[in-house]
Amino acid sequence: MTTMSRESAWALVTEFTQNENLRKHALAVEAAVRGYARLFGEDEEAWGVTALLHDFDYDRYPDLADHPFKGAEILRERGYAEWLVRAVLSHADHTQVARESRLEHVLFACDEMAGFVTAAALVRPSKSLLDLEANSVVKRMKEKAFARAVNRDDLRRGAEEIGLPLNDHVANVIAFMRAKADDLGLRGNL
């Protein structure tokens, strides 16, 4: 079985993901999921590694017929635990792998939300997470043209799956990502 180290997970991400924005997405989701691991008293390292790896195959295999199935195969070949593979599979509804564990629900809740929060920060004059507020993000959700690829129902469902009001979930994700603003390129001009 592969050691659950952040270093080996990041090496796998960088081996398969050349796109800098996808690498930053992995880091953003990791920051959010680690934050929830701390909040819920879970294994932060295990949850963080899972979050880091959730989309590692997407740059090479973006087709829904392949992602995250190819990634799951590669993770199994490399000796990752089956619970981690299952969490990666469950983050995408099209896999038909039902989310059961708290980690699986948190990963789903943080995946699209981290991307949406990133988009909301980048359109601010400051281009920063540091002055972004949850109500601003929730307001952006009502704008159909803004980050149009993000399914608003998934954002709402993610908060529901982890048992939090939408505003609280958004505020948590912002706070968890703020701690990594420099790594995410989201300090902006503040």
N, C-alpha and C. Protein backbone atom coordinates (compact mmCIF):
# COMPACT_ATOMS: atom_id res chain seq x y z
N MET A 1 0.84 -1.19 0.00
CA MET A 1 0.00 0.00 0.00
C MET A 1 0.88 1.25 0.00
N THR A 2 0.50 2.23 -0.78
CA THR A 2 1.24 3.47 -0.89
C THR A 2 1.11 4.28 0.39
N THR A 3 2.20 4.91 0.79
CA THR A 3 2.18 5.80 1.94
C THR A 3 1.31 7.01 1.62
N MET A 4 0.51 7.41 2.60
CA MET A 4 -0.37 8.56 2.40
C MET A 4 0.42 9.85 2.63
N SER A 5 1.35 10.16 1.76
CA SER A 5 2.11 11.39 1.96
C SER A 5 1.67 12.44 0.95
N ARG A 6 1.67 13.67 1.42
CA ARG A 6 1.31 14.78 0.55
C ARG A 6 2.32 14.88 -0.60
N GLU A 7 3.59 14.62 -0.29
CA GLU A 7 4.65 14.73 -1.31
C GLU A 7 4.40 13.76 -2.47
N SER A 8 4.07 12.50 -2.16
CA SER A 8 3.84 11.55 -3.24
C SER A 8 2.56 11.89 -4.01
N ALA A 9 1.55 12.40 -3.30
CA ALA A 9 0.31 12.80 -3.97
C ALA A 9 0.58 13.98 -4.91
N TRP A 10 1.34 14.96 -4.44
CA TRP A 10 1.64 16.13 -5.27
C TRP A 10 2.48 15.72 -6.48
N ALA A 11 3.39 14.77 -6.29
CA ALA A 11 4.20 14.27 -7.41
C ALA A 11 3.30 13.65 -8.48
N LEU A 12 2.28 12.91 -8.04
CA LEU A 12 1.32 12.30 -8.98
C LEU A 12 0.52 13.39 -9.71
N VAL A 13 0.09 14.40 -8.97
CA VAL A 13 -0.64 15.52 -9.58
C VAL A 13 0.22 16.17 -10.66
N THR A 14 1.48 16.49 -10.33
CA THR A 14 2.33 17.20 -11.29
C THR A 14 2.76 16.31 -12.46
N GLU A 15 2.80 15.00 -12.24
CA GLU A 15 3.12 14.07 -13.33
C GLU A 15 2.00 14.07 -14.37
N PHE A 16 0.76 14.13 -13.93
CA PHE A 16 -0.39 14.01 -14.83
C PHE A 16 -1.01 15.35 -15.22
N THR A 17 -0.76 16.40 -14.47
CA THR A 17 -1.43 17.68 -14.69
C THR A 17 -0.43 18.76 -15.05
N GLN A 18 -0.44 19.16 -16.32
CA GLN A 18 0.45 20.23 -16.77
C GLN A 18 -0.21 21.60 -16.63
N ASN A 19 -1.54 21.63 -16.71
CA ASN A 19 -2.29 22.89 -16.66
C ASN A 19 -2.18 23.51 -15.26
N GLU A 20 -1.62 24.72 -15.21
CA GLU A 20 -1.39 25.41 -13.94
C GLU A 20 -2.70 25.69 -13.20
N ASN A 21 -3.77 26.03 -13.92
CA ASN A 21 -5.04 26.29 -13.26
C ASN A 21 -5.63 25.03 -12.62
N LEU A 22 -5.44 23.89 -13.27
CA LEU A 22 -5.90 22.63 -12.68
C LEU A 22 -5.08 22.26 -11.45
N ARG A 23 -3.79 22.57 -11.48
CA ARG A 23 -2.96 22.33 -10.29
C ARG A 23 -3.44 23.22 -9.14
N LYS A 24 -3.74 24.47 -9.45
CA LYS A 24 -4.23 25.39 -8.41
C LYS A 24 -5.60 24.94 -7.89
N HIS A 25 -6.42 24.39 -8.78
CA HIS A 25 -7.72 23.86 -8.34
C HIS A 25 -7.49 22.72 -7.34
N ALA A 26 -6.56 21.83 -7.63
CA ALA A 26 -6.26 20.74 -6.70
C ALA A 26 -5.84 21.29 -5.34
N LEU A 27 -5.01 22.33 -5.35
CA LEU A 27 -4.55 22.95 -4.10
C LEU A 27 -5.70 23.64 -3.36
N ALA A 28 -6.61 24.26 -4.11
CA ALA A 28 -7.75 24.94 -3.49
C ALA A 28 -8.68 23.93 -2.82
N VAL A 29 -8.98 22.84 -3.52
CA VAL A 29 -9.85 21.82 -2.96
C VAL A 29 -9.15 21.18 -1.75
N GLU A 30 -7.85 20.96 -1.86
CA GLU A 30 -7.10 20.42 -0.72
C GLU A 30 -7.23 21.34 0.50
N ALA A 31 -7.05 22.64 0.29
CA ALA A 31 -7.14 23.59 1.41
C ALA A 31 -8.52 23.54 2.06
N ALA A 32 -9.56 23.49 1.24
CA ALA A 32 -10.93 23.46 1.77
C ALA A 32 -11.21 22.15 2.52
N VAL A 33 -10.82 21.03 1.93
CA VAL A 33 -11.08 19.73 2.55
C VAL A 33 -10.27 19.57 3.84
N ARG A 34 -9.02 20.03 3.83
CA ARG A 34 -8.21 19.99 5.07
C ARG A 34 -8.88 20.83 6.16
N GLY A 35 -9.42 21.97 5.77
CA GLY A 35 -10.09 22.82 6.75
C GLY A 35 -11.26 22.10 7.39
N TYR A 36 -12.04 21.41 6.57
CA TYR A 36 -13.16 20.63 7.12
C TYR A 36 -12.67 19.46 7.97
N ALA A 37 -11.55 18.84 7.58
CA ALA A 37 -11.00 17.75 8.40
C ALA A 37 -10.68 18.28 9.81
N ARG A 38 -10.06 19.46 9.87
CA ARG A 38 -9.77 20.06 11.18
C ARG A 38 -11.06 20.36 11.94
N LEU A 39 -12.02 20.95 11.24
CA LEU A 39 -13.30 21.34 11.85
C LEU A 39 -14.04 20.12 12.42
N PHE A 40 -14.00 19.01 11.68
CA PHE A 40 -14.74 17.81 12.08
C PHE A 40 -13.90 16.81 12.88
N GLY A 41 -12.64 17.15 13.16
CA GLY A 41 -11.78 16.26 13.92
C GLY A 41 -11.41 14.99 13.18
N GLU A 42 -11.23 15.11 11.86
CA GLU A 42 -10.86 13.95 11.03
C GLU A 42 -9.36 13.98 10.71
N ASP A 43 -8.90 12.97 10.00
CA ASP A 43 -7.49 12.83 9.62
C ASP A 43 -7.16 13.82 8.50
N GLU A 44 -6.55 14.94 8.88
CA GLU A 44 -6.29 16.01 7.92
C GLU A 44 -5.38 15.58 6.77
N GLU A 45 -4.37 14.79 7.08
CA GLU A 45 -3.44 14.35 6.04
C GLU A 45 -4.14 13.45 5.02
N ALA A 46 -4.90 12.48 5.50
CA ALA A 46 -5.61 11.55 4.60
C ALA A 46 -6.63 12.30 3.75
N TRP A 47 -7.38 13.19 4.39
CA TRP A 47 -8.38 13.96 3.65
C TRP A 47 -7.70 14.88 2.64
N GLY A 48 -6.60 15.50 3.05
CA GLY A 48 -5.89 16.42 2.16
C GLY A 48 -5.33 15.72 0.93
N VAL A 49 -4.74 14.55 1.15
CA VAL A 49 -4.18 13.77 0.03
C VAL A 49 -5.31 13.38 -0.93
N THR A 50 -6.44 12.97 -0.39
CA THR A 50 -7.58 12.59 -1.24
C THR A 50 -8.03 13.77 -2.08
N ALA A 51 -8.15 14.93 -1.45
CA ALA A 51 -8.58 16.13 -2.17
C ALA A 51 -7.57 16.52 -3.25
N LEU A 52 -6.30 16.43 -2.92
CA LEU A 52 -5.25 16.77 -3.88
C LEU A 52 -5.35 15.88 -5.13
N LEU A 53 -5.71 14.62 -4.92
CA LEU A 53 -5.74 13.64 -6.01
C LEU A 53 -7.07 13.56 -6.76
N HIS A 54 -8.11 14.25 -6.32
CA HIS A 54 -9.45 14.01 -6.86
C HIS A 54 -9.56 14.22 -8.38
N ASP A 55 -8.79 15.14 -8.93
CA ASP A 55 -8.86 15.45 -10.37
C ASP A 55 -7.52 15.24 -11.08
N PHE A 56 -6.60 14.49 -10.47
CA PHE A 56 -5.24 14.43 -11.04
C PHE A 56 -5.23 13.90 -12.47
N ASP A 57 -6.22 13.12 -12.86
CA ASP A 57 -6.25 12.53 -14.21
C ASP A 57 -6.95 13.42 -15.24
N TYR A 58 -7.59 14.50 -14.79
CA TYR A 58 -8.48 15.28 -15.66
C TYR A 58 -7.75 15.94 -16.84
N ASP A 59 -6.53 16.41 -16.63
CA ASP A 59 -5.78 17.07 -17.70
C ASP A 59 -5.54 16.11 -18.87
N ARG A 60 -5.22 14.86 -18.56
CA ARG A 60 -4.98 13.84 -19.60
C ARG A 60 -6.26 13.20 -20.10
N TYR A 61 -7.24 13.05 -19.20
CA TYR A 61 -8.47 12.32 -19.53
C TYR A 61 -9.71 13.14 -19.17
N PRO A 62 -9.95 14.25 -19.89
CA PRO A 62 -11.07 15.13 -19.53
C PRO A 62 -12.45 14.60 -19.90
N ASP A 63 -12.51 13.59 -20.75
CA ASP A 63 -13.80 13.06 -21.18
C ASP A 63 -14.49 12.34 -20.02
N LEU A 64 -15.80 12.53 -19.90
CA LEU A 64 -16.56 11.90 -18.81
C LEU A 64 -16.49 10.37 -18.85
N ALA A 65 -16.23 9.82 -20.02
CA ALA A 65 -16.09 8.36 -20.10
C ALA A 65 -14.80 7.90 -19.43
N ASP A 66 -13.84 8.82 -19.26
CA ASP A 66 -12.52 8.48 -18.70
C ASP A 66 -12.30 9.01 -17.28
N HIS A 67 -12.73 10.24 -17.02
CA HIS A 67 -12.48 10.88 -15.71
C HIS A 67 -13.66 10.67 -14.79
N PRO A 68 -13.46 10.24 -13.57
CA PRO A 68 -12.20 9.89 -12.89
C PRO A 68 -11.87 8.40 -12.93
N PHE A 69 -12.47 7.68 -13.88
CA PHE A 69 -12.25 6.22 -13.95
C PHE A 69 -10.78 5.86 -14.18
N LYS A 70 -10.13 6.57 -15.13
CA LYS A 70 -8.70 6.31 -15.41
C LYS A 70 -7.88 6.59 -14.16
N GLY A 71 -8.23 7.70 -13.49
CA GLY A 71 -7.52 8.05 -12.25
C GLY A 71 -7.65 6.96 -11.21
N ALA A 72 -8.85 6.40 -11.07
CA ALA A 72 -9.07 5.33 -10.10
C ALA A 72 -8.20 4.12 -10.42
N GLU A 73 -8.10 3.77 -11.69
CA GLU A 73 -7.25 2.64 -12.11
C GLU A 73 -5.80 2.90 -11.72
N ILE A 74 -5.33 4.12 -12.02
CA ILE A 74 -3.94 4.48 -11.73
C ILE A 74 -3.69 4.47 -10.22
N LEU A 75 -4.62 5.00 -9.45
CA LEU A 75 -4.46 5.01 -7.99
C LEU A 75 -4.38 3.58 -7.45
N ARG A 76 -5.24 2.70 -7.97
CA ARG A 76 -5.20 1.29 -7.54
C ARG A 76 -3.86 0.65 -7.91
N GLU A 77 -3.40 0.89 -9.17
CA GLU A 77 -2.11 0.34 -9.62
C GLU A 77 -0.97 0.79 -8.73
N ARG A 78 -1.09 2.03 -8.23
CA ARG A 78 -0.01 2.59 -7.41
C ARG A 78 -0.19 2.30 -5.92
N GLY A 79 -1.20 1.50 -5.60
CA GLY A 79 -1.34 1.02 -4.23
C GLY A 79 -2.07 1.93 -3.27
N TYR A 80 -2.84 2.87 -3.77
CA TYR A 80 -3.62 3.71 -2.86
C TYR A 80 -4.78 2.92 -2.28
N ALA A 81 -5.18 3.28 -1.07
CA ALA A 81 -6.25 2.60 -0.35
C ALA A 81 -7.57 2.70 -1.11
N GLU A 82 -8.37 1.66 -0.99
CA GLU A 82 -9.65 1.63 -1.71
C GLU A 82 -10.61 2.72 -1.24
N TRP A 83 -10.57 3.10 0.04
CA TRP A 83 -11.46 4.18 0.51
C TRP A 83 -11.14 5.51 -0.18
N LEU A 84 -9.84 5.73 -0.49
CA LEU A 84 -9.44 6.95 -1.20
C LEU A 84 -9.93 6.88 -2.65
N VAL A 85 -9.74 5.74 -3.29
CA VAL A 85 -10.19 5.55 -4.68
C VAL A 85 -11.70 5.77 -4.76
N ARG A 86 -12.42 5.22 -3.80
CA ARG A 86 -13.87 5.36 -3.77
C ARG A 86 -14.28 6.83 -3.61
N ALA A 87 -13.58 7.56 -2.76
CA ALA A 87 -13.88 8.99 -2.58
C ALA A 87 -13.66 9.75 -3.88
N VAL A 88 -12.57 9.45 -4.58
CA VAL A 88 -12.29 10.10 -5.86
C VAL A 88 -13.41 9.79 -6.86
N LEU A 89 -13.83 8.53 -6.91
CA LEU A 89 -14.92 8.17 -7.83
C LEU A 89 -16.23 8.85 -7.45
N SER A 90 -16.51 8.96 -6.17
CA SER A 90 -17.80 9.49 -5.73
C SER A 90 -17.93 11.00 -5.90
N HIS A 91 -16.83 11.70 -6.15
CA HIS A 91 -16.94 13.16 -6.26
C HIS A 91 -17.65 13.59 -7.55
N ALA A 92 -17.77 12.67 -8.49
CA ALA A 92 -18.41 12.96 -9.77
C ALA A 92 -19.69 12.14 -9.88
N ASP A 93 -20.83 12.82 -10.02
CA ASP A 93 -22.12 12.11 -10.07
C ASP A 93 -22.21 11.09 -11.20
N HIS A 94 -21.57 11.36 -12.34
CA HIS A 94 -21.70 10.46 -13.50
C HIS A 94 -21.07 9.08 -13.28
N THR A 95 -20.29 8.92 -12.21
CA THR A 95 -19.68 7.61 -11.94
C THR A 95 -20.68 6.63 -11.32
N GLN A 96 -21.81 7.17 -10.82
CA GLN A 96 -22.82 6.35 -10.14
C GLN A 96 -22.30 5.72 -8.85
N VAL A 97 -21.22 6.28 -8.28
CA VAL A 97 -20.72 5.82 -6.98
C VAL A 97 -21.33 6.74 -5.93
N ALA A 98 -22.24 6.21 -5.14
CA ALA A 98 -22.96 7.02 -4.15
C ALA A 98 -22.00 7.48 -3.06
N ARG A 99 -22.15 8.74 -2.67
CA ARG A 99 -21.33 9.27 -1.58
C ARG A 99 -21.89 8.75 -0.26
N GLU A 100 -21.02 8.15 0.55
CA GLU A 100 -21.44 7.58 1.83
C GLU A 100 -20.68 8.17 3.00
N SER A 101 -19.37 8.22 2.92
CA SER A 101 -18.57 8.69 4.06
C SER A 101 -18.59 10.22 4.15
N ARG A 102 -18.24 10.70 5.33
CA ARG A 102 -18.17 12.15 5.52
C ARG A 102 -17.15 12.76 4.56
N LEU A 103 -16.02 12.10 4.38
CA LEU A 103 -15.00 12.58 3.43
C LEU A 103 -15.59 12.72 2.03
N GLU A 104 -16.33 11.74 1.58
CA GLU A 104 -16.91 11.77 0.23
C GLU A 104 -17.86 12.97 0.08
N HIS A 105 -18.66 13.22 1.09
CA HIS A 105 -19.57 14.37 1.04
C HIS A 105 -18.80 15.69 1.05
N VAL A 106 -17.77 15.77 1.88
CA VAL A 106 -16.97 17.00 1.97
C VAL A 106 -16.23 17.25 0.65
N LEU A 107 -15.66 16.21 0.07
CA LEU A 107 -14.94 16.37 -1.21
C LEU A 107 -15.89 16.91 -2.28
N PHE A 108 -17.08 16.34 -2.38
CA PHE A 108 -18.07 16.83 -3.34
C PHE A 108 -18.43 18.29 -3.05
N ALA A 109 -18.65 18.61 -1.78
CA ALA A 109 -19.06 19.96 -1.40
C ALA A 109 -17.98 21.00 -1.69
N CYS A 110 -16.73 20.60 -1.59
CA CYS A 110 -15.62 21.54 -1.76
C CYS A 110 -15.13 21.66 -3.20
N ASP A 111 -15.34 20.65 -4.01
CA ASP A 111 -14.81 20.62 -5.38
C ASP A 111 -15.30 21.81 -6.21
N GLU A 112 -16.58 21.85 -6.48
CA GLU A 112 -17.12 22.94 -7.31
C GLU A 112 -17.08 24.28 -6.57
N MET A 113 -17.28 24.24 -5.24
CA MET A 113 -17.30 25.49 -4.48
C MET A 113 -15.93 26.17 -4.51
N ALA A 114 -14.86 25.40 -4.42
CA ALA A 114 -13.52 25.98 -4.47
C ALA A 114 -13.30 26.67 -5.82
N GLY A 115 -13.77 26.05 -6.89
CA GLY A 115 -13.65 26.66 -8.22
C GLY A 115 -14.47 27.92 -8.34
N PHE A 116 -15.66 27.89 -7.78
CA PHE A 116 -16.55 29.06 -7.86
C PHE A 116 -16.01 30.21 -7.02
N VAL A 117 -15.50 29.90 -5.84
CA VAL A 117 -14.89 30.93 -4.97
C VAL A 117 -13.67 31.54 -5.67
N THR A 118 -12.87 30.71 -6.34
CA THR A 118 -11.72 31.21 -7.09
C THR A 118 -12.18 32.20 -8.16
N ALA A 119 -13.20 31.82 -8.93
CA ALA A 119 -13.72 32.70 -9.98
C ALA A 119 -14.23 34.01 -9.38
N ALA A 120 -14.94 33.92 -8.26
CA ALA A 120 -15.48 35.13 -7.61
C ALA A 120 -14.36 36.05 -7.13
N ALA A 121 -13.27 35.47 -6.64
CA ALA A 121 -12.13 36.29 -6.19
C ALA A 121 -11.45 36.97 -7.38
N LEU A 122 -11.31 36.25 -8.48
CA LEU A 122 -10.57 36.78 -9.63
C LEU A 122 -11.28 37.92 -10.34
N VAL A 123 -12.60 38.04 -10.20
CA VAL A 123 -13.31 39.15 -10.85
C VAL A 123 -13.38 40.40 -9.96
N ARG A 124 -12.90 40.30 -8.73
CA ARG A 124 -12.89 41.46 -7.84
C ARG A 124 -11.80 42.44 -8.29
N PRO A 125 -11.98 43.72 -8.03
CA PRO A 125 -10.90 44.68 -8.37
C PRO A 125 -9.57 44.29 -7.72
N SER A 126 -9.62 43.72 -6.53
CA SER A 126 -8.41 43.33 -5.81
C SER A 126 -7.83 42.01 -6.32
N LYS A 127 -8.65 41.22 -7.05
CA LYS A 127 -8.27 39.87 -7.49
C LYS A 127 -7.80 39.02 -6.30
N SER A 128 -8.48 39.18 -5.17
CA SER A 128 -8.03 38.57 -3.93
C SER A 128 -9.14 37.84 -3.19
N LEU A 129 -8.71 36.78 -2.48
CA LEU A 129 -9.59 36.07 -1.55
C LEU A 129 -9.72 36.82 -0.24
N LEU A 130 -8.75 37.68 0.03
CA LEU A 130 -8.64 38.28 1.36
C LEU A 130 -9.77 39.26 1.67
N ASP A 131 -10.39 39.83 0.64
CA ASP A 131 -11.52 40.74 0.89
C ASP A 131 -12.83 40.20 0.32
N LEU A 132 -12.84 38.90 0.00
CA LEU A 132 -14.04 38.26 -0.54
C LEU A 132 -14.93 37.80 0.61
N GLU A 133 -16.21 38.12 0.52
CA GLU A 133 -17.18 37.72 1.56
C GLU A 133 -18.16 36.71 0.99
N ALA A 134 -18.71 35.87 1.87
CA ALA A 134 -19.63 34.81 1.46
C ALA A 134 -20.86 35.36 0.73
N ASN A 135 -21.42 36.47 1.23
CA ASN A 135 -22.63 37.00 0.58
C ASN A 135 -22.37 37.43 -0.85
N SER A 136 -21.16 37.87 -1.14
CA SER A 136 -20.78 38.24 -2.50
C SER A 136 -20.77 37.00 -3.41
N VAL A 137 -20.27 35.90 -2.89
CA VAL A 137 -20.21 34.64 -3.65
C VAL A 137 -21.63 34.12 -3.89
N VAL A 138 -22.47 34.15 -2.86
CA VAL A 138 -23.85 33.67 -3.00
C VAL A 138 -24.60 34.52 -4.02
N LYS A 139 -24.34 35.82 -4.01
CA LYS A 139 -24.98 36.72 -4.99
C LYS A 139 -24.53 36.35 -6.41
N ARG A 140 -23.26 36.04 -6.57
CA ARG A 140 -22.74 35.63 -7.89
C ARG A 140 -23.42 34.36 -8.40
N MET A 141 -23.85 33.49 -7.48
CA MET A 141 -24.51 32.25 -7.88
C MET A 141 -25.80 32.53 -8.64
N LYS A 142 -26.40 33.68 -8.41
CA LYS A 142 -27.65 34.04 -9.08
C LYS A 142 -27.43 34.57 -10.49
N GLU A 143 -26.18 34.89 -10.83
CA GLU A 143 -25.85 35.41 -12.16
C GLU A 143 -25.56 34.23 -13.09
N LYS A 144 -26.49 33.97 -14.00
CA LYS A 144 -26.35 32.81 -14.89
C LYS A 144 -25.07 32.85 -15.74
N ALA A 145 -24.67 34.05 -16.16
CA ALA A 145 -23.52 34.18 -17.05
C ALA A 145 -22.19 34.02 -16.31
N PHE A 146 -22.20 34.22 -15.00
CA PHE A 146 -20.96 34.14 -14.22
C PHE A 146 -20.58 32.67 -13.98
N ALA A 147 -19.34 32.31 -14.33
CA ALA A 147 -18.84 30.93 -14.14
C ALA A 147 -19.91 29.93 -14.56
N ARG A 148 -20.40 30.11 -15.77
CA ARG A 148 -21.57 29.38 -16.26
C ARG A 148 -21.39 27.87 -16.25
N ALA A 149 -20.17 27.38 -16.30
CA ALA A 149 -19.95 25.93 -16.30
C ALA A 149 -20.21 25.29 -14.94
N VAL A 150 -20.28 26.10 -13.89
CA VAL A 150 -20.49 25.56 -12.55
C VAL A 150 -21.98 25.36 -12.29
N ASN A 151 -22.35 24.14 -11.94
CA ASN A 151 -23.74 23.80 -11.67
C ASN A 151 -24.12 24.33 -10.28
N ARG A 152 -25.04 25.28 -10.27
CA ARG A 152 -25.47 25.90 -9.00
C ARG A 152 -26.13 24.89 -8.07
N ASP A 153 -26.86 23.93 -8.66
CA ASP A 153 -27.48 22.89 -7.82
C ASP A 153 -26.43 22.08 -7.08
N ASP A 154 -25.29 21.81 -7.73
CA ASP A 154 -24.20 21.09 -7.07
C ASP A 154 -23.65 21.90 -5.90
N LEU A 155 -23.54 23.22 -6.06
CA LEU A 155 -23.05 24.07 -4.97
C LEU A 155 -23.98 23.98 -3.77
N ARG A 156 -25.28 24.09 -4.04
CA ARG A 156 -26.27 24.02 -2.95
C ARG A 156 -26.32 22.62 -2.33
N ARG A 157 -26.29 21.60 -3.20
CA ARG A 157 -26.36 20.21 -2.72
C ARG A 157 -25.15 19.86 -1.87
N GLY A 158 -23.99 20.39 -2.26
CA GLY A 158 -22.78 20.13 -1.48
C GLY A 158 -22.93 20.61 -0.04
N ALA A 159 -23.44 21.84 0.13
CA ALA A 159 -23.67 22.37 1.49
C ALA A 159 -24.66 21.49 2.24
N GLU A 160 -25.73 21.08 1.55
CA GLU A 160 -26.73 20.21 2.18
C GLU A 160 -26.13 18.88 2.61
N GLU A 161 -25.29 18.31 1.75
CA GLU A 161 -24.70 17.00 2.06
C GLU A 161 -23.81 17.03 3.30
N ILE A 162 -23.23 18.19 3.60
CA ILE A 162 -22.40 18.27 4.82
C ILE A 162 -23.17 18.94 5.96
N GLY A 163 -24.46 19.18 5.73
CA GLY A 163 -25.32 19.65 6.81
C GLY A 163 -25.11 21.09 7.22
N LEU A 164 -24.71 21.95 6.28
CA LEU A 164 -24.49 23.35 6.60
C LEU A 164 -25.34 24.26 5.73
N PRO A 165 -25.76 25.41 6.27
CA PRO A 165 -26.40 26.41 5.42
C PRO A 165 -25.39 26.85 4.36
N LEU A 166 -25.89 27.18 3.17
CA LEU A 166 -25.02 27.58 2.06
C LEU A 166 -24.04 28.68 2.46
N ASN A 167 -24.53 29.73 3.11
CA ASN A 167 -23.65 30.85 3.49
C ASN A 167 -22.50 30.40 4.39
N ASP A 168 -22.79 29.49 5.32
CA ASP A 168 -21.75 29.00 6.22
C ASP A 168 -20.71 28.19 5.46
N HIS A 169 -21.16 27.36 4.54
CA HIS A 169 -20.23 26.56 3.73
C HIS A 169 -19.35 27.48 2.89
N VAL A 170 -19.94 28.47 2.25
CA VAL A 170 -19.16 29.41 1.43
C VAL A 170 -18.13 30.12 2.31
N ALA A 171 -18.56 30.60 3.47
CA ALA A 171 -17.65 31.31 4.38
C ALA A 171 -16.50 30.39 4.81
N ASN A 172 -16.80 29.13 5.10
CA ASN A 172 -15.75 28.18 5.48
C ASN A 172 -14.75 27.98 4.36
N VAL A 173 -15.25 27.75 3.15
CA VAL A 173 -14.35 27.50 2.01
C VAL A 173 -13.45 28.72 1.78
N ILE A 174 -14.03 29.92 1.85
CA ILE A 174 -13.22 31.13 1.69
C ILE A 174 -12.14 31.18 2.77
N ALA A 175 -12.53 30.95 4.01
CA ALA A 175 -11.57 31.02 5.12
C ALA A 175 -10.46 29.97 4.96
N PHE A 176 -10.84 28.75 4.60
CA PHE A 176 -9.84 27.68 4.45
C PHE A 176 -8.89 27.99 3.29
N MET A 177 -9.42 28.56 2.21
CA MET A 177 -8.59 28.90 1.05
C MET A 177 -7.72 30.13 1.32
N ARG A 178 -8.19 31.06 2.14
CA ARG A 178 -7.40 32.26 2.45
C ARG A 178 -6.03 31.91 3.01
N ALA A 179 -5.98 30.87 3.81
CA ALA A 179 -4.72 30.45 4.42
C ALA A 179 -3.68 30.06 3.36
N LYS A 180 -4.16 29.73 2.18
CA LYS A 180 -3.27 29.32 1.07
C LYS A 180 -3.34 30.30 -0.10
N ALA A 181 -3.75 31.53 0.17
CA ALA A 181 -3.96 32.52 -0.90
C ALA A 181 -2.73 32.68 -1.80
N ASP A 182 -1.55 32.69 -1.22
CA ASP A 182 -0.33 32.86 -2.03
C ASP A 182 -0.13 31.68 -2.98
N ASP A 183 -0.27 30.45 -2.47
CA ASP A 183 -0.11 29.24 -3.29
C ASP A 183 -1.15 29.20 -4.42
N LEU A 184 -2.32 29.76 -4.13
CA LEU A 184 -3.42 29.71 -5.10
C LEU A 184 -3.38 30.87 -6.08
N GLY A 185 -2.45 31.81 -5.87
CA GLY A 185 -2.39 33.00 -6.72
C GLY A 185 -3.56 33.93 -6.48
N LEU A 186 -4.09 33.92 -5.24
CA LEU A 186 -5.29 34.69 -4.95
C LEU A 186 -5.09 35.73 -3.83
N ARG A 187 -3.84 36.15 -3.63
CA ARG A 187 -3.61 37.25 -2.71
C ARG A 187 -4.00 38.56 -3.41
N GLY A 188 -3.86 38.57 -4.73
CA GLY A 188 -4.23 39.75 -5.50
C GLY A 188 -3.34 40.93 -5.17
N ASN A 189 -3.94 42.12 -5.23
CA ASN A 189 -3.12 43.32 -5.00
C ASN A 189 -3.33 43.90 -3.61
N LEU A 190 -3.76 43.06 -2.66
CA LEU A 190 -3.94 43.51 -1.27
C LEU A 190 -2.67 43.30 -0.47
